[in-house]
PDB file of N, CA and C in Angstrom:
ATOM      1  N   MET A   1      80.962 112.505  98.455  1.00  0.00           N
ATOM      2  CA  MET A   1      82.334 112.123  98.601  1.00  0.00           C
ATOM      3  C   MET A   1      82.816 112.485 100.095  1.00  0.00           C
ATOM      4  N   VAL A   2      83.411 111.513 100.661  1.00  0.00           N
ATOM      5  CA  VAL A   2      83.962 111.690 102.079  1.00  0.00           C
ATOM      6  C   VAL A   2      85.305 112.411 102.042  1.00  0.00           C
ATOM      7  N   MET A   3      85.493 113.408 102.842  1.00  0.00           N
ATOM      8  CA  MET A   3      86.678 114.100 102.985  1.00  0.00           C
ATOM      9  C   MET A   3      87.497 113.541 104.043  1.00  0.00           C
ATOM     10  N   ILE A   4      88.745 113.243 103.940  1.00  0.00           N
ATOM     11  CA  ILE A   4      89.504 112.655 104.873  1.00  0.00           C
ATOM     12  C   ILE A   4      90.033 113.711 105.830  1.00  0.00           C
ATOM     13  N   ASN A   5      89.901 113.367 107.155  1.00  0.00           N
ATOM     14  CA  ASN A   5      90.320 114.399 108.199  1.00  0.00           C
ATOM     15  C   ASN A   5      91.726 114.148 108.564  1.00  0.00           C
ATOM     16  N   GLN A   6      92.642 114.835 107.936  1.00  0.00           N
ATOM     17  CA  GLN A   6      94.067 114.590 108.074  1.00  0.00           C
ATOM     18  C   GLN A   6      94.565 114.963 109.506  1.00  0.00           C
ATOM     19  N   ILE A   7      93.940 115.962 110.171  1.00  0.00           N
ATOM     20  CA  ILE A   7      94.285 116.359 111.504  1.00  0.00           C
ATOM     21  C   ILE A   7      94.000 115.221 112.385  1.00  0.00           C
ATOM     22  N   ASP A   8      92.837 114.611 112.384  1.00  0.00           N
ATOM     23  CA  ASP A   8      92.484 113.472 113.255  1.00  0.00           C
ATOM     24  C   ASP A   8      93.459 112.274 113.106  1.00  0.00           C
ATOM     25  N   ILE A   9      93.801 111.989 111.844  1.00  0.00           N
ATOM     26  CA  ILE A   9      94.712 110.864 111.560  1.00  0.00           C
ATOM     27  C   ILE A   9      96.128 111.207 112.080  1.00  0.00           C
ATOM     28  N   GLN A  10      96.607 112.333 111.854  1.00  0.00           N
ATOM     29  CA  GLN A  10      97.841 112.835 112.296  1.00  0.00           C
ATOM     30  C   GLN A  10      97.942 112.788 113.862  1.00  0.00           C
ATOM     31  N   THR A  11      96.947 113.344 114.551  1.00  0.00           N
ATOM     32  CA  THR A  11      96.915 113.260 115.988  1.00  0.00           C
ATOM     33  C   THR A  11      96.945 111.881 116.504  1.00  0.00           C
ATOM     34  N   HIS A  12      96.070 110.918 115.982  1.00  0.00           N
ATOM     35  CA  HIS A  12      95.975 109.603 116.473  1.00  0.00           C
ATOM     36  C   HIS A  12      97.359 108.883 116.153  1.00  0.00           C
ATOM     37  N   PHE A  13      97.962 109.133 115.077  1.00  0.00           N
ATOM     38  CA  PHE A  13      99.225 108.524 114.712  1.00  0.00           C
ATOM     39  C   PHE A  13     100.310 108.920 115.623  1.00  0.00           C
ATOM     40  N   GLU A  14     100.440 110.207 115.871  1.00  0.00           N
ATOM     41  CA  GLU A  14     101.459 110.682 116.856  1.00  0.00           C
ATOM     42  C   GLU A  14     101.158 110.127 118.327  1.00  0.00           C
ATOM     43  N   GLU A  15      99.980 109.974 118.654  1.00  0.00           N
ATOM     44  CA  GLU A  15      99.655 109.351 119.888  1.00  0.00           C
ATOM     45  C   GLU A  15     100.144 107.855 119.906  1.00  0.00           C
ATOM     46  N   LEU A  16      99.878 107.132 118.950  1.00  0.00           N
ATOM     47  CA  LEU A  16     100.367 105.693 118.743  1.00  0.00           C
ATOM     48  C   LEU A  16     101.820 105.681 118.908  1.00  0.00           C
ATOM     49  N   LEU A  17     102.556 106.465 118.226  1.00  0.00           N
ATOM     50  CA  LEU A  17     103.937 106.497 118.283  1.00  0.00           C
ATOM     51  C   LEU A  17     104.508 106.857 119.697  1.00  0.00           C
ATOM     52  N   ARG A  18     103.901 107.826 120.366  1.00  0.00           N
ATOM     53  CA  ARG A  18     104.210 108.131 121.680  1.00  0.00           C
ATOM     54  C   ARG A  18     103.944 107.031 122.676  1.00  0.00           C
ATOM     55  N   THR A  19     102.954 106.329 122.576  1.00  0.00           N
ATOM     56  CA  THR A  19     102.577 105.253 123.602  1.00  0.00           C
ATOM     57  C   THR A  19     103.253 103.938 123.215  1.00  0.00           C
ATOM     58  N   LYS A  20     103.251 103.597 122.008  1.00  0.00           N
ATOM     59  CA  LYS A  20     103.737 102.232 121.634  1.00  0.00           C
ATOM     60  C   LYS A  20     105.142 102.164 121.104  1.00  0.00           C
ATOM     61  N   PHE A  21     105.548 103.232 120.582  1.00  0.00           N
ATOM     62  CA  PHE A  21     106.983 103.248 119.908  1.00  0.00           C
ATOM     63  C   PHE A  21     107.733 104.583 120.286  1.00  0.00           C
ATOM     64  N   PRO A  22     107.867 104.759 121.591  1.00  0.00           N
ATOM     65  CA  PRO A  22     108.597 106.098 121.912  1.00  0.00           C
ATOM     66  C   PRO A  22     110.061 106.061 121.439  1.00  0.00           C
ATOM     67  N   HIS A  23     110.529 104.917 121.131  1.00  0.00           N
ATOM     68  CA  HIS A  23     111.981 104.932 120.689  1.00  0.00           C
ATOM     69  C   HIS A  23     112.149 105.379 119.324  1.00  0.00           C
ATOM     70  N   LEU A  24     111.111 105.482 118.498  1.00  0.00           N
ATOM     71  CA  LEU A  24     111.217 106.034 117.188  1.00  0.00           C
ATOM     72  C   LEU A  24     111.356 107.477 117.206  1.00  0.00           C
ATOM     73  N   GLN A  25     112.297 108.027 116.410  1.00  0.00           N
ATOM     74  CA  GLN A  25     112.644 109.449 116.476  1.00  0.00           C
ATOM     75  C   GLN A  25     112.194 110.140 115.134  1.00  0.00           C
ATOM     76  N   PRO A  26     111.485 111.292 115.188  1.00  0.00           N
ATOM     77  CA  PRO A  26     111.070 111.983 113.941  1.00  0.00           C
ATOM     78  C   PRO A  26     112.230 112.744 113.444  1.00  0.00           C
ATOM     79  N   ILE A  27     112.119 112.735 112.085  1.00  0.00           N
ATOM     80  CA  ILE A  27     113.120 113.589 111.312  1.00  0.00           C
ATOM     81  C   ILE A  27     112.449 114.069 109.956  1.00  0.00           C
ATOM     82  N   GLY A  28     112.809 115.278 109.648  1.00  0.00           N
ATOM     83  CA  GLY A  28     112.401 115.798 108.358  1.00  0.00           C
ATOM     84  C   GLY A  28     113.185 115.216 107.240  1.00  0.00           C
ATOM     85  N   LYS A  29     112.638 114.512 106.339  1.00  0.00           N
ATOM     86  CA  LYS A  29     113.284 113.859 105.126  1.00  0.00           C
ATOM     87  C   LYS A  29     112.369 113.826 103.974  1.00  0.00           C
ATOM     88  N   TRP A  30     112.769 114.259 102.848  1.00  0.00           N
ATOM     89  CA  TRP A  30     112.018 114.149 101.587  1.00  0.00           C
ATOM     90  C   TRP A  30     110.738 114.917 101.759  1.00  0.00           C
ATOM     91  N   ARG A  31     110.838 116.050 102.334  1.00  0.00           N
ATOM     92  CA  ARG A  31     109.755 117.091 102.570  1.00  0.00           C
ATOM     93  C   ARG A  31     108.559 116.448 103.447  1.00  0.00           C
ATOM     94  N   GLN A  32     108.844 115.591 104.370  1.00  0.00           N
ATOM     95  CA  GLN A  32     107.893 115.059 105.269  1.00  0.00           C
ATOM     96  C   GLN A  32     108.605 114.602 106.472  1.00  0.00           C
ATOM     97  N   THR A  33     107.712 114.253 107.569  1.00  0.00           N
ATOM     98  CA  THR A  33     108.364 113.729 108.739  1.00  0.00           C
ATOM     99  C   THR A  33     108.318 112.204 108.698  1.00  0.00           C
ATOM    100  N   MET A  34     109.566 111.702 108.940  1.00  0.00           N
ATOM    101  CA  MET A  34     109.661 110.257 108.869  1.00  0.00           C
ATOM    102  C   MET A  34     110.108 109.830 110.252  1.00  0.00           C
ATOM    103  N   TRP A  35     109.873 108.645 110.739  1.00  0.00           N
ATOM    104  CA  TRP A  35     110.296 108.156 112.007  1.00  0.00           C
ATOM    105  C   TRP A  35     111.289 106.985 111.825  1.00  0.00           C
ATOM    106  N   HIS A  36     112.427 107.001 112.476  1.00  0.00           N
ATOM    107  CA  HIS A  36     113.482 106.078 112.367  1.00  0.00           C
ATOM    108  C   HIS A  36     113.988 105.589 113.704  1.00  0.00           C
ATOM    109  N   ILE A  37     114.758 104.560 113.625  1.00  0.00           N
ATOM    110  CA  ILE A  37     115.384 103.955 114.791  1.00  0.00           C
ATOM    111  C   ILE A  37     116.784 103.679 114.365  1.00  0.00           C
ATOM    112  N   GLU A  38     117.663 104.415 115.104  1.00  0.00           N
ATOM    113  CA  GLU A  38     119.143 104.160 114.807  1.00  0.00           C
ATOM    114  C   GLU A  38     119.449 104.625 113.417  1.00  0.00           C
ATOM    115  N   GLY A  39     118.795 105.469 112.744  1.00  0.00           N
ATOM    116  CA  GLY A  39     119.051 105.967 111.389  1.00  0.00           C
ATOM    117  C   GLY A  39     118.263 105.156 110.295  1.00  0.00           C
ATOM    118  N   ASN A  40     117.672 104.069 110.721  1.00  0.00           N
ATOM    119  CA  ASN A  40     116.968 103.298 109.701  1.00  0.00           C
ATOM    120  C   ASN A  40     115.387 103.738 109.722  1.00  0.00           C
ATOM    121  N   LEU A  41     114.958 104.068 108.568  1.00  0.00           N
ATOM    122  CA  LEU A  41     113.625 104.536 108.405  1.00  0.00           C
ATOM    123  C   LEU A  41     112.656 103.372 108.657  1.00  0.00           C
ATOM    124  N   VAL A  42     111.629 103.766 109.327  1.00  0.00           N
ATOM    125  CA  VAL A  42     110.557 102.789 109.697  1.00  0.00           C
ATOM    126  C   VAL A  42     109.184 103.124 109.022  1.00  0.00           C
ATOM    127  N   VAL A  43     108.805 104.313 109.331  1.00  0.00           N
ATOM    128  CA  VAL A  43     107.450 104.716 108.946  1.00  0.00           C
ATOM    129  C   VAL A  43     107.349 106.186 108.608  1.00  0.00           C
ATOM    130  N   SER A  44     106.437 106.541 107.686  1.00  0.00           N
ATOM    131  CA  SER A  44     106.039 107.906 107.443  1.00  0.00           C
ATOM    132  C   SER A  44     104.562 107.952 107.218  1.00  0.00           C
ATOM    133  N   LEU A  45     104.044 109.208 107.376  1.00  0.00           N
ATOM    134  CA  LEU A  45     102.601 109.355 107.095  1.00  0.00           C
ATOM    135  C   LEU A  45     102.531 110.470 106.032  1.00  0.00           C
ATOM    136  N   VAL A  46     101.928 110.063 105.001  1.00  0.00           N
ATOM    137  CA  VAL A  46     101.856 111.040 103.874  1.00  0.00           C
ATOM    138  C   VAL A  46     100.299 111.451 103.575  1.00  0.00           C
ATOM    139  N   HIS A  47     100.026 112.669 103.691  1.00  0.00           N
ATOM    140  CA  HIS A  47      98.732 113.179 103.438  1.00  0.00           C
ATOM    141  C   HIS A  47      98.640 113.645 101.898  1.00  0.00           C
ATOM    142  N   LEU A  48      97.772 113.060 101.213  1.00  0.00           N
ATOM    143  CA  LEU A  48      97.553 113.405  99.803  1.00  0.00           C
ATOM    144  C   LEU A  48      96.193 114.107  99.655  1.00  0.00           C
ATOM    145  N   SER A  49      95.808 114.580  98.559  1.00  0.00           N
ATOM    146  CA  SER A  49      94.619 115.358  98.473  1.00  0.00           C
ATOM    147  C   SER A  49      93.302 114.476  98.789  1.00  0.00           C
ATOM    148  N   LYS A  50      93.342 113.156  98.396  1.00  0.00           N
ATOM    149  CA  LYS A  50      92.130 112.353  98.527  1.00  0.00           C
ATOM    150  C   LYS A  50      92.395 111.132  99.346  1.00  0.00           C
ATOM    151  N   LYS A  51      93.616 110.982  99.955  1.00  0.00           N
ATOM    152  CA  LYS A  51      93.892 109.828 100.852  1.00  0.00           C
ATOM    153  C   LYS A  51      95.024 110.170 101.677  1.00  0.00           C
ATOM    154  N   THR A  52      95.143 109.309 102.703  1.00  0.00           N
ATOM    155  CA  THR A  52      96.346 109.309 103.594  1.00  0.00           C
ATOM    156  C   THR A  52      97.016 108.015 103.405  1.00  0.00           C
ATOM    157  N   LYS A  53      98.397 107.998 103.455  1.00  0.00           N
ATOM    158  CA  LYS A  53      99.110 106.821 103.149  1.00  0.00           C
ATOM    159  C   LYS A  53     100.183 106.670 104.346  1.00  0.00           C
ATOM    160  N   PHE A  54     100.214 105.556 104.934  1.00  0.00           N
ATOM    161  CA  PHE A  54     101.328 105.067 105.714  1.00  0.00           C
ATOM    162  C   PHE A  54     102.300 104.396 104.995  1.00  0.00           C
ATOM    163  N   CYS A  55     103.623 104.753 105.058  1.00  0.00           N
ATOM    164  CA  CYS A  55     104.605 104.153 104.271  1.00  0.00           C
ATOM    165  C   CYS A  55     105.588 103.408 105.352  1.00  0.00           C
ATOM    166  N   PHE A  56     105.915 102.078 105.085  1.00  0.00           N
ATOM    167  CA  PHE A  56     106.690 101.364 106.000  1.00  0.00           C
ATOM    168  C   PHE A  56     108.010 100.957 105.172  1.00  0.00           C
ATOM    169  N   PHE A  57     109.198 101.083 105.676  1.00  0.00           N
ATOM    170  CA  PHE A  57     110.418 100.774 104.970  1.00  0.00           C
ATOM    171  C   PHE A  57     111.214  99.761 105.705  1.00  0.00           C
ATOM    172  N   ASN A  58     111.926  98.979 104.792  1.00  0.00           N
ATOM    173  CA  ASN A  58     112.957  98.147 105.386  1.00  0.00           C
ATOM    174  C   ASN A  58     114.165  98.432 104.576  1.00  0.00           C
ATOM    175  N   ASN A  59     115.300  98.570 105.197  1.00  0.00           N
ATOM    176  CA  ASN A  59     116.626  98.769 104.637  1.00  0.00           C
ATOM    177  C   ASN A  59     116.725 100.044 103.939  1.00  0.00           C
ATOM    178  N   ALA A  60     116.008 101.020 104.399  1.00  0.00           N
ATOM    179  CA  ALA A  60     116.225 102.462 103.985  1.00  0.00           C
ATOM    180  C   ALA A  60     116.733 103.248 105.205  1.00  0.00           C
ATOM    181  N   ASN A  61     117.762 104.024 104.999  1.00  0.00           N
ATOM    182  CA  ASN A  61     118.225 104.789 106.119  1.00  0.00           C
ATOM    183  C   ASN A  61     118.387 106.226 105.805  1.00  0.00           C
ATOM    184  N   LEU A  62     118.733 106.999 106.786  1.00  0.00           N
ATOM    185  CA  LEU A  62     118.782 108.505 106.606  1.00  0.00           C
ATOM    186  C   LEU A  62     119.751 108.929 105.682  1.00  0.00           C
ATOM    187  N   ALA A  63     120.816 108.202 105.299  1.00  0.00           N
ATOM    188  CA  ALA A  63     121.795 108.503 104.294  1.00  0.00           C
ATOM    189  C   ALA A  63     121.385 108.590 102.915  1.00  0.00           C
ATOM    190  N   LEU A  64     120.234 107.887 102.673  1.00  0.00           N
ATOM    191  CA  LEU A  64     119.744 107.694 101.317  1.00  0.00           C
ATOM    192  C   LEU A  64     119.278 109.117 100.688  1.00  0.00           C
ATOM    193  N   ASP A  65     119.522 109.280  99.409  1.00  0.00           N
ATOM    194  CA  ASP A  65     118.999 110.569  98.825  1.00  0.00           C
ATOM    195  C   ASP A  65     117.689 110.032  98.087  1.00  0.00           C
ATOM    196  N   LYS A  66     117.038 111.019  97.441  1.00  0.00           N
ATOM    197  CA  LYS A  66     115.703 110.766  96.850  1.00  0.00           C
ATOM    198  C   LYS A  66     115.779 109.589  95.805  1.00  0.00           C
ATOM    199  N   ILE A  67     116.977 109.738  95.022  1.00  0.00           N
ATOM    200  CA  ILE A  67     116.992 108.736  93.812  1.00  0.00           C
ATOM    201  C   ILE A  67     117.246 107.363  94.468  1.00  0.00           C
ATOM    202  N   GLN A  68     117.966 107.238  95.587  1.00  0.00           N
ATOM    203  CA  GLN A  68     118.322 105.924  96.007  1.00  0.00           C
ATOM    204  C   GLN A  68     117.201 105.250  96.877  1.00  0.00           C
ATOM    205  N   ARG A  69     116.334 106.011  97.340  1.00  0.00           N
ATOM    206  CA  ARG A  69     115.456 105.488  98.383  1.00  0.00           C
ATOM    207  C   ARG A  69     114.606 104.176  97.970  1.00  0.00           C
ATOM    208  N   TRP A  70     114.114 104.195  96.797  1.00  0.00           N
ATOM    209  CA  TRP A  70     113.295 103.087  96.554  1.00  0.00           C
ATOM    210  C   TRP A  70     114.174 101.854  95.995  1.00  0.00           C
ATOM    211  N   GLY A  71     115.222 102.144  95.211  1.00  0.00           N
ATOM    212  CA  GLY A  71     116.053 101.104  94.625  1.00  0.00           C
ATOM    213  C   GLY A  71     116.871 100.486  95.770  1.00  0.00           C
ATOM    214  N   SER A  72     117.077 101.218  96.767  1.00  0.00           N
ATOM    215  CA  SER A  72     117.973 100.575  97.879  1.00  0.00           C
ATOM    216  C   SER A  72     117.182  99.936  98.976  1.00  0.00           C
ATOM    217  N   THR A  73     115.800  99.855  98.936  1.00  0.00           N
ATOM    218  CA  THR A  73     115.140  99.190  99.959  1.00  0.00           C
ATOM    219  C   THR A  73     114.718  97.745  99.532  1.00  0.00           C
ATOM    220  N   ILE A  74     114.700  96.907 100.440  1.00  0.00           N
ATOM    221  CA  ILE A  74     114.334  95.523 100.277  1.00  0.00           C
ATOM    222  C   ILE A  74     112.833  95.508  99.971  1.00  0.00           C
ATOM    223  N   TYR A  75     112.092  96.238 100.817  1.00  0.00           N
ATOM    224  CA  TYR A  75     110.688  96.386 100.461  1.00  0.00           C
ATOM    225  C   TYR A  75     110.179  97.667 101.088  1.00  0.00           C
ATOM    226  N   SER A  76     109.044  98.108 100.591  1.00  0.00           N
ATOM    227  CA  SER A  76     108.327  99.165 101.253  1.00  0.00           C
ATOM    228  C   SER A  76     106.921  98.817 101.093  1.00  0.00           C
ATOM    229  N   HIS A  77     106.067  98.998 102.076  1.00  0.00           N
ATOM    230  CA  HIS A  77     104.644  98.677 102.034  1.00  0.00           C
ATOM    231  C   HIS A  77     103.836  99.975 102.372  1.00  0.00           C
ATOM    232  N   ASN A  78     102.738 100.048 101.722  1.00  0.00           N
ATOM    233  CA  ASN A  78     101.877 101.168 102.034  1.00  0.00           C
ATOM    234  C   ASN A  78     100.494 100.775 102.416  1.00  0.00           C
ATOM    235  N   LEU A  79      99.892 101.412 103.444  1.00  0.00           N
ATOM    236  CA  LEU A  79      98.493 101.274 103.728  1.00  0.00           C
ATOM    237  C   LEU A  79      97.864 102.566 103.421  1.00  0.00           C
ATOM    238  N   GLU A  80      96.813 102.610 102.544  1.00  0.00           N
ATOM    239  CA  GLU A  80      96.197 103.797 102.079  1.00  0.00           C
ATOM    240  C   GLU A  80      94.639 103.847 102.506  1.00  0.00           C
ATOM    241  N   TYR A  81      94.245 104.953 102.965  1.00  0.00           N
ATOM    242  CA  TYR A  81      92.913 105.186 103.433  1.00  0.00           C
ATOM    243  C   TYR A  81      92.392 106.407 102.803  1.00  0.00           C
ATOM    244  N   THR A  82      91.090 106.483 102.459  1.00  0.00           N
ATOM    245  CA  THR A  82      90.410 107.495 102.013  1.00  0.00           C
ATOM    246  C   THR A  82      89.374 108.189 102.982  1.00  0.00           C
ATOM    247  N   ASP A  83      89.273 107.458 104.092  1.00  0.00           N
ATOM    248  CA  ASP A  83      88.438 107.905 105.114  1.00  0.00           C
ATOM    249  C   ASP A  83      88.945 107.585 106.512  1.00  0.00           C
ATOM    250  N   GLU A  84      89.031 108.541 107.360  1.00  0.00           N
ATOM    251  CA  GLU A  84      89.725 108.358 108.700  1.00  0.00           C
ATOM    252  C   GLU A  84      88.975 107.299 109.478  1.00  0.00           C
ATOM    253  N   ASN A  85      87.740 106.952 109.217  1.00  0.00           N
ATOM    254  CA  ASN A  85      87.087 105.949 110.022  1.00  0.00           C
ATOM    255  C   ASN A  85      87.520 104.492 109.509  1.00  0.00           C
ATOM    256  N   GLU A  86      88.219 104.462 108.366  1.00  0.00           N
ATOM    257  CA  GLU A  86      88.607 103.140 107.814  1.00  0.00           C
ATOM    258  C   GLU A  86      89.962 102.728 108.383  1.00  0.00           C
ATOM    259  N   VAL A  87      90.727 103.677 108.994  1.00  0.00           N
ATOM    260  CA  VAL A  87      92.097 103.377 109.471  1.00  0.00           C
ATOM    261  C   VAL A  87      91.952 102.293 110.513  1.00  0.00           C
ATOM    262  N   ASN A  88      92.758 101.261 110.201  1.00  0.00           N
ATOM    263  CA  ASN A  88      92.869 100.150 111.133  1.00  0.00           C
ATOM    264  C   ASN A  88      94.168 100.304 111.960  1.00  0.00           C
ATOM    265  N   TRP A  89      94.008 100.853 113.109  1.00  0.00           N
ATOM    266  CA  TRP A  89      95.168 101.243 113.913  1.00  0.00           C
ATOM    267  C   TRP A  89      95.939 100.096 114.437  1.00  0.00           C
ATOM    268  N   ASP A  90      95.310  98.939 114.617  1.00  0.00           N
ATOM    269  CA  ASP A  90      95.967  97.723 115.005  1.00  0.00           C
ATOM    270  C   ASP A  90      96.862  97.301 113.853  1.00  0.00           C
ATOM    271  N   GLU A  91      96.355  97.383 112.580  1.00  0.00           N
ATOM    272  CA  GLU A  91      97.167  97.017 111.506  1.00  0.00           C
ATOM    273  C   GLU A  91      98.380  97.899 111.357  1.00  0.00           C
ATOM    274  N   VAL A  92      98.221  99.257 111.512  1.00  0.00           N
ATOM    275  CA  VAL A  92      99.216 100.140 111.445  1.00  0.00           C
ATOM    276  C   VAL A  92     100.313  99.843 112.466  1.00  0.00           C
ATOM    277  N   SER A  93      99.875  99.611 113.718  1.00  0.00           N
ATOM    278  CA  SER A  93     100.890  99.214 114.726  1.00  0.00           C
ATOM    279  C   SER A  93     101.589  97.969 114.414  1.00  0.00           C
ATOM    280  N   GLU A  94     100.881  97.011 113.927  1.00  0.00           N
ATOM    281  CA  GLU A  94     101.535  95.790 113.569  1.00  0.00           C
ATOM    282  C   GLU A  94     102.598  95.880 112.487  1.00  0.00           C
ATOM    283  N   PHE A  95     102.277  96.702 111.464  1.00  0.00           N
ATOM    284  CA  PHE A  95     103.225  96.983 110.422  1.00  0.00           C
ATOM    285  C   PHE A  95     104.480  97.685 110.952  1.00  0.00           C
ATOM    286  N   ILE A  96     104.221  98.646 111.864  1.00  0.00           N
ATOM    287  CA  ILE A  96     105.411  99.327 112.465  1.00  0.00           C
ATOM    288  C   ILE A  96     106.297  98.289 113.144  1.00  0.00           C
ATOM    289  N   GLN A  97     105.638  97.497 114.035  1.00  0.00           N
ATOM    290  CA  GLN A  97     106.444  96.555 114.856  1.00  0.00           C
ATOM    291  C   GLN A  97     107.108  95.525 113.965  1.00  0.00           C
ATOM    292  N   ASN A  98     106.494  94.997 112.894  1.00  0.00           N
ATOM    293  CA  ASN A  98     107.066  94.104 111.927  1.00  0.00           C
ATOM    294  C   ASN A  98     108.225  94.738 111.231  1.00  0.00           C
ATOM    295  N   THR A  99     108.152  95.982 110.887  1.00  0.00           N
ATOM    296  CA  THR A  99     109.207  96.694 110.225  1.00  0.00           C
ATOM    297  C   THR A  99     110.405  96.877 111.193  1.00  0.00           C
ATOM    298  N   ILE A 100     110.190  97.161 112.402  1.00  0.00           N
ATOM    299  CA  ILE A 100     111.217  97.341 113.439  1.00  0.00           C
ATOM    300  C   ILE A 100     111.914  95.987 113.610  1.00  0.00           C
ATOM    301  N   ASP A 101     111.052  94.829 113.754  1.00  0.00           N
ATOM    302  CA  ASP A 101     111.590  93.537 113.975  1.00  0.00           C
ATOM    303  C   ASP A 101     112.498  93.040 112.767  1.00  0.00           C
ATOM    304  N   VAL A 102     112.155  93.329 111.599  1.00  0.00           N
ATOM    305  CA  VAL A 102     112.896  92.849 110.448  1.00  0.00           C
ATOM    306  C   VAL A 102     114.295  93.595 110.365  1.00  0.00           C
ATOM    307  N   GLN A 103     114.312  94.812 110.951  1.00  0.00           N
ATOM    308  CA  GLN A 103     115.608  95.628 110.936  1.00  0.00           C
ATOM    309  C   GLN A 103     116.669  95.162 112.018  1.00  0.00           C
ATOM    310  N   LYS A 104     116.180  94.253 113.013  1.00  0.00           N
ATOM    311  CA  LYS A 104     117.000  93.826 114.046  1.00  0.00           C
ATOM    312  C   LYS A 104     118.057  92.731 113.560  1.00  0.00           C
TER     313      LYS A 104
END
């Protein structure tokens, strides 16, 4: 069984955000760090015991509470990986950009 290296994924993800999406701001929400633009949630990285999940949001904002978050979003999309070597960083980047574009 391959163990996912969460530290490597977290480091690479933060570098991607710094270089390609510096306008996204981190904030603690729902016990994790989420990145938003003008209060609209864009992406979060969730580390689970056997996988890592990138979550992309549309129409979710910082004012939402836990109960409202899923019912109030037009869509959310997840990319899930069980091995850090499987992470398609171009796809992650594309989903971030598409989520930002839809919110404009």
